[in-house]
Amino acid sequence: MEAKLLPQSRSPIATALRRRHKQGCSSTVAVLARPAENITGITEKLILKPAESKTEVAPKTSVYNDNWFDLMAINHLSQSLQSASGLKSRKSGYESLVEAAAMMSKNFNPNRQHELVIQALDSAIPKIILNMIKALLPQSQFTREYFAAFTTVFFSWLVGPSEVKESELNGRREKNVVHVKKCRFLEQSNCVGMCINLCKMPSQAFIKDSLGMPVNMVPNFDDMSCKMIFGQDPPASNDDPALKQPCYKLCTANQKHTVRCSS
C-alpha cells in the first residue's frame, strides 16, 4: 500500500528522488558494483580453503566386517599364541591377536618369537592334518597353485584381501603367487619387526617343515602389500632385503609397548 502512495507524495524529498532517477546517477552504479566484487572474493576464498586442507587428511585404516568364521579363526589363533607365550590379552577380535603378538615381541628376543609362533601354529592345526597334506600333496605345479588358491580363499581374515598371480618357476609360468593387497596384520601392528619376527620368518619355516612347501614371503613396507611365492626358497637372512628394513616412524608397537622393533 505504501508503494502505491509514494509516487503521489508531493514532499520535496520525494520530488528530488524522482528527478535523480530520471537523470541517472553514476555513483549509484558504483555502490551496486562494489558489493558484487566483495561477494566474489569471499566466494573464492571459501572454495579454496577446503581444497588446501585436503592435503592434511591422514589415510584411512581399512575396515573389516568379520563374519562368524573369521572371528572363530582369529580367536583360535590368538588363543594359541597366548597359550604358547603364557601372556594373556584382555581384548577381543583381531585386536586380541595383535596385542598377543605385540606382547610376545616385547618379552622375547627374535629367535624365541619364531619358536613360539611355530609352536602356536603346531597346536592350532592338528598334526594328523599336516602330515596328510604333506603326504598327499608333494611339491608340484598343481600343489603350488593349490596352496596359492587356498590361501586367498581361507586366510583373508588374517592378511586381508589377496589374489593369485603368475610367476616363472623352472622355466614355466605358474599361478603360484599370492599377492596380498594390504596386509591386515602389518597395517594393524604398524611394526616392521612384528611383521618379520612374528609372521614372515616363522611362517616360512612352518610351511616348509610341516607341509613340505618352500615359500618366500616378500613384504613391501611402502604400501603394506606382500607376495607369497610358493615353491621358492627365501633368501638367507643376511641377503634378505626385508630384514634390513628400518621400522616405521609411527610404529604402534613401539609407542604402546616400548618394543625394540628392529628385526
Protein backbone atom coordinates (compact mmCIF):
# COMPACT_ATOMS: atom_id res chain seq x y z
CA MET A 1 0.00 0.00 0.00
CA GLU A 2 2.87 2.34 0.74
CA ALA A 3 4.34 1.63 -2.67
CA LYS A 4 1.19 2.96 -4.32
CA LEU A 5 1.04 6.08 -2.18
CA LEU A 6 4.73 7.00 -2.54
CA PRO A 7 4.56 8.27 -6.14
CA GLN A 8 1.58 10.51 -5.17
CA SER A 9 3.57 12.23 -2.43
CA ARG A 10 4.46 15.86 -3.13
CA SER A 11 7.13 16.20 -0.49
CA PRO A 12 10.43 17.87 -1.53
CA ILE A 13 12.38 14.70 -0.77
CA ALA A 14 10.18 12.50 -2.97
CA THR A 15 10.35 15.09 -5.79
CA ALA A 16 14.17 15.20 -5.62
CA LEU A 17 14.41 11.41 -5.71
CA ARG A 18 12.20 11.23 -8.80
CA ARG A 19 14.33 13.81 -10.59
CA ARG A 20 17.62 11.98 -9.80
CA HIS A 21 16.11 8.71 -11.00
CA LYS A 22 15.22 10.29 -14.37
CA GLN A 23 18.63 11.94 -14.80
CA GLY A 24 20.65 8.78 -13.79
CA CYS A 25 23.39 8.70 -11.20
CA SER A 26 26.81 7.05 -11.75
CA SER A 27 27.51 6.86 -8.03
CA THR A 28 24.57 4.51 -7.61
CA VAL A 29 26.17 2.15 -10.12
CA ALA A 30 29.43 2.24 -8.24
CA VAL A 31 27.73 1.43 -4.97
CA LEU A 32 25.99 -1.56 -6.51
CA ALA A 33 29.15 -2.88 -8.19
CA ARG A 34 31.38 -2.94 -5.11
CA PRO A 35 29.31 -5.43 -3.07
CA ALA A 36 29.33 -7.78 -6.09
CA GLU A 37 33.13 -7.69 -6.16
CA ASN A 38 33.33 -8.39 -2.43
CA ILE A 39 30.98 -11.36 -2.70
CA THR A 40 33.09 -12.82 -5.49
CA GLY A 41 36.23 -12.51 -3.41
CA ILE A 42 34.63 -14.17 -0.41
CA THR A 43 33.30 -16.99 -2.57
CA GLU A 44 36.76 -17.72 -3.97
CA LYS A 45 38.24 -17.96 -0.50
CA LEU A 46 35.53 -20.32 0.68
CA ILE A 47 36.13 -22.59 -2.31
CA LEU A 48 39.91 -22.64 -1.97
CA LYS A 49 40.16 -23.33 1.75
CA PRO A 50 38.70 -26.86 1.73
CA ALA A 51 40.90 -27.80 -1.24
CA GLU A 52 44.04 -26.75 0.65
CA SER A 53 43.05 -28.63 3.81
CA LYS A 54 42.67 -31.97 1.97
CA THR A 55 46.42 -32.46 1.90
CA GLU A 56 46.44 -32.73 5.69
CA VAL A 57 43.92 -35.58 5.94
CA ALA A 58 45.50 -38.82 7.22
CA PRO A 59 44.96 -42.05 5.23
CA LYS A 60 42.08 -44.14 6.46
CA THR A 61 42.63 -47.52 8.07
CA SER A 62 40.99 -50.48 6.35
CA VAL A 63 37.71 -51.60 7.89
CA TYR A 64 36.89 -55.32 8.12
CA ASN A 65 33.49 -56.84 8.76
CA ASP A 66 34.48 -60.23 10.16
CA ASN A 67 31.88 -62.99 9.87
CA TRP A 68 31.46 -65.86 12.32
CA PHE A 69 34.11 -67.99 10.59
CA ASP A 70 36.62 -65.10 10.59
CA LEU A 71 36.04 -64.40 14.29
CA MET A 72 36.36 -68.09 15.16
CA ALA A 73 39.66 -68.38 13.26
CA ILE A 74 41.01 -65.13 14.75
CA ASN A 75 40.12 -66.19 18.29
CA HIS A 76 41.62 -69.66 17.77
CA LEU A 77 44.97 -68.29 16.57
CA SER A 78 45.01 -65.61 19.25
CA GLN A 79 44.41 -68.19 21.98
CA SER A 80 47.14 -70.41 20.52
CA LEU A 81 49.64 -67.54 20.64
CA GLN A 82 48.64 -66.69 24.20
CA SER A 83 48.97 -70.32 25.31
CA ALA A 84 52.40 -70.63 23.72
CA SER A 85 53.72 -67.41 25.26
CA GLY A 86 51.91 -67.59 28.60
CA LEU A 87 50.78 -63.98 28.09
CA LYS A 88 47.10 -63.09 28.15
CA SER A 89 45.21 -60.45 26.19
CA ARG A 90 42.04 -58.86 27.54
CA LYS A 91 40.91 -57.66 24.13
CA SER A 92 38.70 -59.45 21.64
CA GLY A 93 38.61 -59.98 17.90
CA TYR A 94 41.57 -59.04 15.75
CA GLU A 95 42.80 -56.63 18.41
CA SER A 96 43.45 -59.58 20.74
CA LEU A 97 45.60 -61.22 18.05
CA VAL A 98 47.65 -58.07 17.50
CA GLU A 99 48.03 -57.48 21.25
CA ALA A 100 49.12 -61.08 21.84
CA ALA A 101 51.75 -60.68 19.12
CA ALA A 102 52.87 -57.30 20.50
CA MET A 103 53.36 -58.76 23.99
CA MET A 104 55.46 -61.58 22.53
CA SER A 105 57.54 -59.01 20.68
CA LYS A 106 58.08 -57.10 23.91
CA ASN A 107 59.01 -60.05 26.11
CA PHE A 108 61.09 -62.32 23.85
CA ASN A 109 64.04 -62.00 21.51
CA PRO A 110 63.52 -62.61 17.75
CA ASN A 111 64.65 -66.25 17.77
CA ARG A 112 62.34 -67.08 20.67
CA GLN A 113 59.49 -65.28 18.92
CA HIS A 114 59.97 -67.55 15.87
CA GLU A 115 59.88 -70.64 18.08
CA LEU A 116 56.74 -69.57 19.93
CA VAL A 117 54.82 -68.78 16.74
CA ILE A 118 55.74 -72.16 15.24
CA GLN A 119 54.67 -73.81 18.50
CA ALA A 120 51.35 -71.93 18.35
CA LEU A 121 50.76 -72.96 14.73
CA ASP A 122 51.55 -76.59 15.58
CA SER A 123 48.92 -76.52 18.32
CA ALA A 124 46.39 -74.63 16.19
CA ILE A 125 46.42 -77.19 13.34
CA PRO A 126 46.13 -80.91 14.20
CA LYS A 127 49.30 -82.81 13.37
CA ILE A 128 47.40 -85.52 11.52
CA ILE A 129 46.07 -82.96 9.04
CA LEU A 130 49.52 -81.52 8.43
CA ASN A 131 51.01 -84.98 7.84
CA MET A 132 48.16 -85.89 5.50
CA ILE A 133 48.63 -82.76 3.41
CA LYS A 134 52.37 -83.32 3.23
CA ALA A 135 51.90 -86.94 2.11
CA LEU A 136 49.09 -86.38 -0.39
CA LEU A 137 50.38 -83.15 -1.90
CA PRO A 138 54.09 -83.43 -2.66
CA GLN A 139 55.62 -80.38 -4.28
CA SER A 140 54.47 -79.95 -7.86
CA GLN A 141 52.92 -77.27 -10.04
CA PHE A 142 49.47 -78.45 -9.01
CA THR A 143 50.36 -78.28 -5.30
CA ARG A 144 51.92 -74.83 -5.56
CA GLU A 145 48.90 -73.47 -7.38
CA TYR A 146 46.55 -75.22 -4.95
CA PHE A 147 48.32 -73.67 -1.96
CA ALA A 148 48.08 -70.22 -3.57
CA ALA A 149 44.37 -70.55 -4.32
CA PHE A 150 43.64 -72.00 -0.86
CA THR A 151 45.42 -69.09 0.84
CA THR A 152 43.41 -66.43 -1.00
CA VAL A 153 40.10 -68.09 -0.09
CA PHE A 154 40.64 -69.14 3.52
CA PHE A 155 43.14 -66.66 5.01
CA SER A 156 41.67 -63.26 4.15
CA TRP A 157 40.69 -62.94 7.84
CA LEU A 158 44.39 -62.94 8.73
CA VAL A 159 46.09 -60.96 5.95
CA GLY A 160 43.25 -59.18 4.18
CA PRO A 161 42.11 -59.40 0.53
CA SER A 162 44.51 -61.15 -1.84
CA GLU A 163 44.66 -62.54 -5.36
CA VAL A 164 46.58 -65.21 -7.24
CA LYS A 165 49.24 -64.07 -9.68
CA GLU A 166 51.66 -65.77 -12.03
CA SER A 167 55.41 -66.10 -11.83
CA GLU A 168 58.05 -68.01 -13.71
CA LEU A 169 59.39 -71.10 -11.96
CA ASN A 170 61.72 -73.64 -13.56
CA GLY A 171 61.19 -72.01 -16.94
CA ARG A 172 57.37 -72.22 -16.82
CA ARG A 173 54.58 -69.85 -15.93
CA GLU A 174 52.64 -70.86 -12.82
CA LYS A 175 49.88 -69.33 -10.73
CA ASN A 176 51.86 -69.86 -7.55
CA VAL A 177 51.97 -66.33 -6.11
CA VAL A 178 49.57 -64.83 -3.58
CA HIS A 179 49.52 -61.04 -3.77
CA VAL A 180 48.19 -59.54 -0.54
CA LYS A 181 46.95 -56.09 -1.46
CA LYS A 182 47.39 -54.57 2.01
CA CYS A 183 48.40 -56.87 4.84
CA ARG A 184 45.94 -56.62 7.69
CA PHE A 185 48.47 -57.69 10.31
CA LEU A 186 51.09 -55.20 9.15
CA GLU A 187 48.53 -52.39 8.96
CA GLN A 188 47.15 -53.12 12.43
CA SER A 189 50.52 -53.61 14.12
CA ASN A 190 52.27 -50.91 12.05
CA CYS A 191 55.54 -52.57 13.01
CA VAL A 192 58.22 -53.97 10.70
CA GLY A 193 59.76 -56.06 13.48
CA MET A 194 56.47 -57.80 14.28
CA CYS A 195 55.92 -58.50 10.58
CA ILE A 196 59.36 -60.08 10.24
CA ASN A 197 59.64 -61.96 13.54
CA LEU A 198 56.02 -62.98 14.14
CA CYS A 199 54.81 -63.59 10.59
CA LYS A 200 57.35 -63.84 7.78
CA MET A 201 60.15 -65.85 9.37
CA PRO A 202 58.12 -68.37 11.42
CA SER A 203 55.52 -68.84 8.65
CA GLN A 204 58.19 -69.63 6.07
CA ALA A 205 59.76 -72.19 8.40
CA PHE A 206 56.42 -73.73 9.43
CA ILE A 207 55.10 -74.18 5.88
CA LYS A 208 58.39 -75.68 4.72
CA ASP A 209 58.83 -78.09 7.65
CA SER A 210 55.20 -79.08 8.27
CA LEU A 211 53.85 -79.09 4.71
CA GLY A 212 57.00 -79.67 2.69
CA MET A 213 56.42 -76.50 0.67
CA PRO A 214 59.10 -73.79 0.40
CA VAL A 215 57.65 -70.30 0.36
CA ASN A 216 59.22 -66.88 0.12
CA MET A 217 57.26 -64.06 1.72
CA VAL A 218 58.19 -60.66 0.30
CA PRO A 219 56.60 -57.75 2.20
CA ASN A 220 56.51 -54.28 0.68
CA PHE A 221 56.76 -51.86 3.59
CA ASP A 222 55.93 -48.85 1.42
CA ASP A 223 52.37 -49.85 0.52
CA MET A 224 51.99 -52.69 3.07
CA SER A 225 51.39 -55.29 0.36
CA CYS A 226 53.04 -58.71 0.38
CA LYS A 227 53.82 -61.54 -2.02
CA MET A 228 53.87 -65.20 -1.01
CA ILE A 229 55.77 -67.16 -3.65
CA PHE A 230 55.13 -70.89 -3.23
CA GLY A 231 57.92 -73.15 -4.45
CA GLN A 232 60.62 -70.53 -3.95
CA ASP A 233 63.09 -70.76 -1.07
CA PRO A 234 63.57 -67.48 0.80
CA PRO A 235 67.00 -65.84 0.66
CA ALA A 236 69.44 -66.27 3.51
CA SER A 237 68.90 -63.91 6.43
CA ASN A 238 71.98 -61.89 5.55
CA ASP A 239 70.73 -61.38 2.00
CA ASP A 240 67.03 -60.80 2.66
CA PRO A 241 66.14 -57.13 1.98
CA ALA A 242 63.15 -57.33 4.34
CA LEU A 243 65.44 -57.91 7.32
CA LYS A 244 67.33 -54.71 6.60
CA GLN A 245 64.23 -52.52 6.65
CA PRO A 246 64.02 -49.90 9.44
CA CYS A 247 60.75 -49.66 11.33
CA TYR A 248 58.07 -47.05 10.75
CA LYS A 249 58.39 -43.70 12.47
CA LEU A 250 54.88 -44.12 13.89
CA CYS A 251 55.36 -47.73 14.96
CA THR A 252 52.30 -48.70 17.01
CA ALA A 253 54.10 -51.40 18.98
CA ASN A 254 56.96 -49.09 19.83
CA GLN A 255 54.58 -46.41 21.08
CA LYS A 256 52.33 -48.71 23.13
CA HIS A 257 54.71 -51.43 24.28
CA THR A 258 58.21 -49.87 24.12
CA VAL A 259 59.29 -52.64 21.76
CA ARG A 260 62.64 -52.58 20.01
CA CYS A 261 61.06 -53.39 16.68
CA SER A 262 64.22 -53.74 14.61
CA SER A 263 64.47 -57.33 13.43
